[in-house]
């Protein structure tokens, strides 16, 4: 195994949002290695456990070279015990927005880090949001924007849907897709010098 100071970092995600969030704390991965795993929830799987399992599975599934840390994450929107999909159709987006309109929901984002020795460490972050009651016109305009495509729960809090949020308790970066405090702590714990980079 290589010394800690020459370990490389790979992001197991094709999400430009996660890349941008990492850049905010001065972390630029050496490579991007998206995975294609089955994200179907297991029977009776709760939203928080679903997010944690997927992040860990993505970290384990990424194919990278030796001496490389693999960072993976997954975001799940839950209404009670119900897991909302990463919407791919207008029908799914409409269903999600109808469920979220005028009520509170939770966003669970898990981040996992796989070390070259195969061990995986992870953190789970929960945020709570409350949406305003959405009018039919607001829903229609939002769906027409296409911003919902591929987003957990059918919305992007960093985009137009920010106008729907009455209250957000917890980590904003986690809702966007990557909890930065927890991510930095995992990297530092593995010997990846996040804070040293920040001081440069």
Foldseek 3Di string as FASTA:
>chain_A
DDDLVPAFEEEQDPDPLVQVVCVVLPDHGPYYFHDDDDLDDDVLDAQQNSFAVVQVVSQLRGDDDARYKYKGKGKWKADVRDTQALDADLVSLVVLCQVQAQAKIKMKMKMWIAGRVGDIDIDIWMKMWHFYHDDPVRSVVLSVVVQQHRHHSRHACVDPCVVGTPDMGTAPSVSNHDRVVRVCVVCVVSSNPSVVSSVD
